[in-house]
């Protein structure tokens, strides 16, 4: 009886693991891509996390580290480090409110605005190219289904 259970578990594991292996490979490769430094067209070298944080600040002037942490589902400490890097690079500045010295609002500098706009153009071009490449192998419905599933999967995590 135990051998039959082991065989069933092993066969089921192999089947499920083979399907999920695509996810593992994707996550590993995408993680490397996210963490790699890129020039988005202005000469500034930033990671994807940094540039998306910058663009979020540009799109939401006066946001706080707490709001960033909630938006990206990261700790305030992690986002504080990212914001500090952006401040050190002259792309973001902090502004304390007059009514509450503990509240620090974030804004992009002129250089940060240029980089954020360049990032938006860069992403528009690269995402369009990716969709074009995917459409060689997948239907529009399959691509839409992928985005739906990955969105739900992210929520489950």
C-alpha atoms as a PDB file:
ATOM      1  CA  UNK A   1       0.000   0.000   0.000  1.00  0.00           C
ATOM      2  CA  UNK A   2       2.784   2.440   0.917  1.00  0.00           C
ATOM      3  CA  UNK A   3       4.570   1.840  -2.409  1.00  0.00           C
ATOM      4  CA  UNK A   4       1.373   2.672  -4.305  1.00  0.00           C
ATOM      5  CA  UNK A   5       0.977   5.915  -2.324  1.00  0.00           C
ATOM      6  CA  UNK A   6       4.613   6.843  -2.919  1.00  0.00           C
ATOM      7  CA  UNK A   7       4.268   6.108  -6.625  1.00  0.00           C
ATOM      8  CA  UNK A   8       1.100   8.238  -6.824  1.00  0.00           C
ATOM      9  CA  UNK A   9       2.712  11.125  -4.931  1.00  0.00           C
ATOM     10  CA  UNK A  10       5.858  10.965  -7.065  1.00  0.00           C
ATOM     11  CA  UNK A  11       3.897  10.839 -10.323  1.00  0.00           C
ATOM     12  CA  UNK A  12       1.639  13.704  -9.229  1.00  0.00           C
ATOM     13  CA  UNK A  13       4.641  15.745  -8.084  1.00  0.00           C
ATOM     14  CA  UNK A  14       6.444  15.229 -11.402  1.00  0.00           C
ATOM     15  CA  UNK A  15       3.353  16.292 -13.353  1.00  0.00           C
ATOM     16  CA  UNK A  16       2.710  19.414 -11.264  1.00  0.00           C
ATOM     17  CA  UNK A  17       6.379  20.327 -10.971  1.00  0.00           C
ATOM     18  CA  UNK A  18       6.881  20.068 -14.737  1.00  0.00           C
ATOM     19  CA  UNK A  19       4.039  22.539 -15.253  1.00  0.00           C
ATOM     20  CA  UNK A  20       5.281  24.887 -12.535  1.00  0.00           C
ATOM     21  CA  UNK A  21       8.870  24.713 -13.740  1.00  0.00           C
ATOM     22  CA  UNK A  22       7.947  27.326 -16.359  1.00  0.00           C
ATOM     23  CA  UNK A  23       6.924  29.641 -13.534  1.00  0.00           C
ATOM     24  CA  UNK A  24      10.155  28.982 -11.634  1.00  0.00           C
ATOM     25  CA  UNK A  25      12.242  29.696 -14.726  1.00  0.00           C
ATOM     26  CA  UNK A  26      10.252  32.841 -15.486  1.00  0.00           C
ATOM     27  CA  UNK A  27      10.571  34.149 -11.927  1.00  0.00           C
ATOM     28  CA  UNK A  28      14.324  33.555 -11.851  1.00  0.00           C
ATOM     29  CA  UNK A  29      14.901  35.253 -15.205  1.00  0.00           C
ATOM     30  CA  UNK A  30      12.522  38.141 -14.467  1.00  0.00           C
ATOM     31  CA  UNK A  31      14.110  38.671 -11.057  1.00  0.00           C
ATOM     32  CA  UNK A  32      17.509  39.003 -12.722  1.00  0.00           C
ATOM     33  CA  UNK A  33      16.004  41.466 -15.210  1.00  0.00           C
ATOM     34  CA  UNK A  34      14.329  43.541 -12.491  1.00  0.00           C
ATOM     35  CA  UNK A  35      17.507  43.783 -10.450  1.00  0.00           C
ATOM     36  CA  UNK A  36      19.795  44.606 -13.382  1.00  0.00           C
ATOM     37  CA  UNK A  37      20.718  48.242 -13.868  1.00  0.00           C
ATOM     38  CA  UNK A  38      19.359  49.926 -17.001  1.00  0.00           C
ATOM     39  CA  UNK A  39      19.874  53.233 -18.765  1.00  0.00           C
ATOM     40  CA  UNK A  40      16.388  54.403 -19.690  1.00  0.00           C
ATOM     41  CA  UNK A  41      17.760  57.006 -22.069  1.00  0.00           C
ATOM     42  CA  UNK A  42      19.043  59.803 -19.817  1.00  0.00           C
ATOM     43  CA  UNK A  43      22.400  58.399 -18.728  1.00  0.00           C
ATOM     44  CA  UNK A  44      21.159  57.544 -15.231  1.00  0.00           C
ATOM     45  CA  UNK A  45      21.567  53.879 -14.366  1.00  0.00           C
ATOM     46  CA  UNK A  46      18.721  52.513 -12.238  1.00  0.00           C
ATOM     47  CA  UNK A  47      17.149  49.188 -11.414  1.00  0.00           C
ATOM     48  CA  UNK A  48      13.579  48.553 -12.484  1.00  0.00           C
ATOM     49  CA  UNK A  49      12.478  48.885  -8.857  1.00  0.00           C
ATOM     50  CA  UNK A  50      14.110  52.305  -8.582  1.00  0.00           C
ATOM     51  CA  UNK A  51      12.718  53.659 -11.852  1.00  0.00           C
ATOM     52  CA  UNK A  52       9.197  52.380 -11.178  1.00  0.00           C
ATOM     53  CA  UNK A  53       9.328  53.974  -7.731  1.00  0.00           C
ATOM     54  CA  UNK A  54      10.459  57.225  -9.347  1.00  0.00           C
ATOM     55  CA  UNK A  55       7.621  57.079 -11.865  1.00  0.00           C
ATOM     56  CA  UNK A  56       5.090  56.327  -9.124  1.00  0.00           C
ATOM     57  CA  UNK A  57       6.300  59.454  -7.277  1.00  0.00           C
ATOM     58  CA  UNK A  58       6.038  61.486 -10.480  1.00  0.00           C
ATOM     59  CA  UNK A  59       2.504  60.218 -11.089  1.00  0.00           C
ATOM     60  CA  UNK A  60       1.543  60.743  -7.411  1.00  0.00           C
ATOM     61  CA  UNK A  61       3.318  63.897  -6.229  1.00  0.00           C
ATOM     62  CA  UNK A  62       3.370  64.219  -2.471  1.00  0.00           C
ATOM     63  CA  UNK A  63       3.202  60.482  -1.895  1.00  0.00           C
ATOM     64  CA  UNK A  64       4.849  59.045   1.216  1.00  0.00           C
ATOM     65  CA  UNK A  65       7.079  56.050   1.866  1.00  0.00           C
ATOM     66  CA  UNK A  66       4.127  54.392   3.616  1.00  0.00           C
ATOM     67  CA  UNK A  67       1.969  54.787   0.511  1.00  0.00           C
ATOM     68  CA  UNK A  68       4.781  53.441  -1.671  1.00  0.00           C
ATOM     69  CA  UNK A  69       5.186  50.433   0.612  1.00  0.00           C
ATOM     70  CA  UNK A  70       1.462  49.706   0.422  1.00  0.00           C
ATOM     71  CA  UNK A  71       1.398  50.110  -3.359  1.00  0.00           C
ATOM     72  CA  UNK A  72       4.390  47.812  -3.983  1.00  0.00           C
ATOM     73  CA  UNK A  73       3.601  45.393  -1.113  1.00  0.00           C
ATOM     74  CA  UNK A  74       7.048  45.972   0.366  1.00  0.00           C
ATOM     75  CA  UNK A  75       8.251  47.079   3.783  1.00  0.00           C
ATOM     76  CA  UNK A  76       8.645  50.754   4.599  1.00  0.00           C
ATOM     77  CA  UNK A  77      12.313  50.016   5.280  1.00  0.00           C
ATOM     78  CA  UNK A  78      12.844  48.628   1.777  1.00  0.00           C
ATOM     79  CA  UNK A  79      11.097  51.590   0.165  1.00  0.00           C
ATOM     80  CA  UNK A  80      12.984  54.049   2.369  1.00  0.00           C
ATOM     81  CA  UNK A  81      16.232  52.595   1.029  1.00  0.00           C
ATOM     82  CA  UNK A  82      15.012  52.913  -2.558  1.00  0.00           C
ATOM     83  CA  UNK A  83      13.856  56.496  -1.976  1.00  0.00           C
ATOM     84  CA  UNK A  84      17.198  57.361  -0.354  1.00  0.00           C
ATOM     85  CA  UNK A  85      19.011  56.124  -3.464  1.00  0.00           C
ATOM     86  CA  UNK A  86      16.763  58.293  -5.634  1.00  0.00           C
ATOM     87  CA  UNK A  87      17.387  61.304  -3.365  1.00  0.00           C
ATOM     88  CA  UNK A  88      21.159  60.684  -3.457  1.00  0.00           C
ATOM     89  CA  UNK A  89      21.005  60.603  -7.261  1.00  0.00           C
ATOM     90  CA  UNK A  90      19.183  63.956  -7.321  1.00  0.00           C
ATOM     91  CA  UNK A  91      15.992  62.492  -8.784  1.00  0.00           C
ATOM     92  CA  UNK A  92      13.643  62.872  -5.794  1.00  0.00           C
ATOM     93  CA  UNK A  93      13.400  65.295  -2.912  1.00  0.00           C
ATOM     94  CA  UNK A  94      11.672  65.072   0.448  1.00  0.00           C
ATOM     95  CA  UNK A  95       9.423  67.797   1.837  1.00  0.00           C
ATOM     96  CA  UNK A  96       8.192  67.877   5.445  1.00  0.00           C
ATOM     97  CA  UNK A  97       4.695  69.207   5.911  1.00  0.00           C
ATOM     98  CA  UNK A  98       4.159  72.298   8.010  1.00  0.00           C
ATOM     99  CA  UNK A  99       1.328  70.685   9.967  1.00  0.00           C
ATOM    100  CA  UNK A 100       3.150  67.446  10.877  1.00  0.00           C
ATOM    101  CA  UNK A 101       6.948  67.277  10.920  1.00  0.00           C
ATOM    102  CA  UNK A 102       6.778  63.465  10.854  1.00  0.00           C
ATOM    103  CA  UNK A 103       5.013  63.408   7.494  1.00  0.00           C
ATOM    104  CA  UNK A 104       7.506  63.495   4.631  1.00  0.00           C
ATOM    105  CA  UNK A 105       6.134  64.019   1.145  1.00  0.00           C
ATOM    106  CA  UNK A 106       8.054  62.900  -1.935  1.00  0.00           C
ATOM    107  CA  UNK A 107       8.433  64.772  -5.220  1.00  0.00           C
ATOM    108  CA  UNK A 108      10.558  64.334  -8.329  1.00  0.00           C
ATOM    109  CA  UNK A 109      13.190  66.874  -9.268  1.00  0.00           C
ATOM    110  CA  UNK A 110      13.430  68.266 -12.808  1.00  0.00           C
ATOM    111  CA  UNK A 111      16.026  65.554 -13.547  1.00  0.00           C
ATOM    112  CA  UNK A 112      13.708  62.953 -12.015  1.00  0.00           C
ATOM    113  CA  UNK A 113      10.862  64.174 -14.217  1.00  0.00           C
ATOM    114  CA  UNK A 114      13.030  63.785 -17.344  1.00  0.00           C
ATOM    115  CA  UNK A 115      14.015  60.269 -16.314  1.00  0.00           C
ATOM    116  CA  UNK A 116      10.438  59.284 -15.465  1.00  0.00           C
ATOM    117  CA  UNK A 117       9.241  60.455 -18.886  1.00  0.00           C
ATOM    118  CA  UNK A 118      12.111  58.585 -20.569  1.00  0.00           C
ATOM    119  CA  UNK A 119      11.184  55.492 -18.550  1.00  0.00           C
ATOM    120  CA  UNK A 120       7.562  55.688 -19.694  1.00  0.00           C
ATOM    121  CA  UNK A 121       8.688  55.865 -23.322  1.00  0.00           C
ATOM    122  CA  UNK A 122      11.180  53.014 -22.777  1.00  0.00           C
ATOM    123  CA  UNK A 123       8.512  50.806 -21.199  1.00  0.00           C
ATOM    124  CA  UNK A 124       5.966  51.653 -23.892  1.00  0.00           C
ATOM    125  CA  UNK A 125       8.410  50.574 -26.586  1.00  0.00           C
ATOM    126  CA  UNK A 126       9.671  47.431 -24.813  1.00  0.00           C
ATOM    127  CA  UNK A 127       6.210  46.273 -23.709  1.00  0.00           C
ATOM    128  CA  UNK A 128       4.874  46.806 -27.241  1.00  0.00           C
ATOM    129  CA  UNK A 129       7.810  44.805 -28.634  1.00  0.00           C
ATOM    130  CA  UNK A 130       7.209  42.018 -26.098  1.00  0.00           C
ATOM    131  CA  UNK A 131       3.512  41.867 -27.031  1.00  0.00           C
ATOM    132  CA  UNK A 132       4.448  41.758 -30.706  1.00  0.00           C
ATOM    133  CA  UNK A 133       6.861  38.879 -30.024  1.00  0.00           C
ATOM    134  CA  UNK A 134       4.287  37.028 -27.923  1.00  0.00           C
ATOM    135  CA  UNK A 135       1.680  37.409 -30.668  1.00  0.00           C
ATOM    136  CA  UNK A 136       3.870  35.252 -32.912  1.00  0.00           C
ATOM    137  CA  UNK A 137       3.200  32.319 -30.565  1.00  0.00           C
ATOM    138  CA  UNK A 138      -0.035  33.196 -28.747  1.00  0.00           C
ATOM    139  CA  UNK A 139      -3.441  34.554 -29.644  1.00  0.00           C
ATOM    140  CA  UNK A 140      -4.648  37.848 -28.189  1.00  0.00           C
ATOM    141  CA  UNK A 141      -7.030  35.850 -26.004  1.00  0.00           C
ATOM    142  CA  UNK A 142      -4.188  33.711 -24.658  1.00  0.00           C
ATOM    143  CA  UNK A 143      -2.131  36.818 -23.846  1.00  0.00           C
ATOM    144  CA  UNK A 144      -5.134  38.382 -22.088  1.00  0.00           C
ATOM    145  CA  UNK A 145      -5.674  35.143 -20.159  1.00  0.00           C
ATOM    146  CA  UNK A 146      -2.004  35.155 -19.119  1.00  0.00           C
ATOM    147  CA  UNK A 147      -2.312  38.682 -17.730  1.00  0.00           C
ATOM    148  CA  UNK A 148      -5.503  37.716 -15.905  1.00  0.00           C
ATOM    149  CA  UNK A 149      -3.935  34.598 -14.388  1.00  0.00           C
ATOM    150  CA  UNK A 150      -0.687  36.339 -13.396  1.00  0.00           C
ATOM    151  CA  UNK A 151      -2.707  39.124 -11.737  1.00  0.00           C
ATOM    152  CA  UNK A 152      -4.699  36.627  -9.712  1.00  0.00           C
ATOM    153  CA  UNK A 153      -1.568  34.613  -8.928  1.00  0.00           C
ATOM    154  CA  UNK A 154       0.102  37.774  -7.565  1.00  0.00           C
ATOM    155  CA  UNK A 155      -2.887  38.354  -5.288  1.00  0.00           C
ATOM    156  CA  UNK A 156      -2.725  34.746  -4.051  1.00  0.00           C
ATOM    157  CA  UNK A 157       0.915  35.210  -3.115  1.00  0.00           C
END
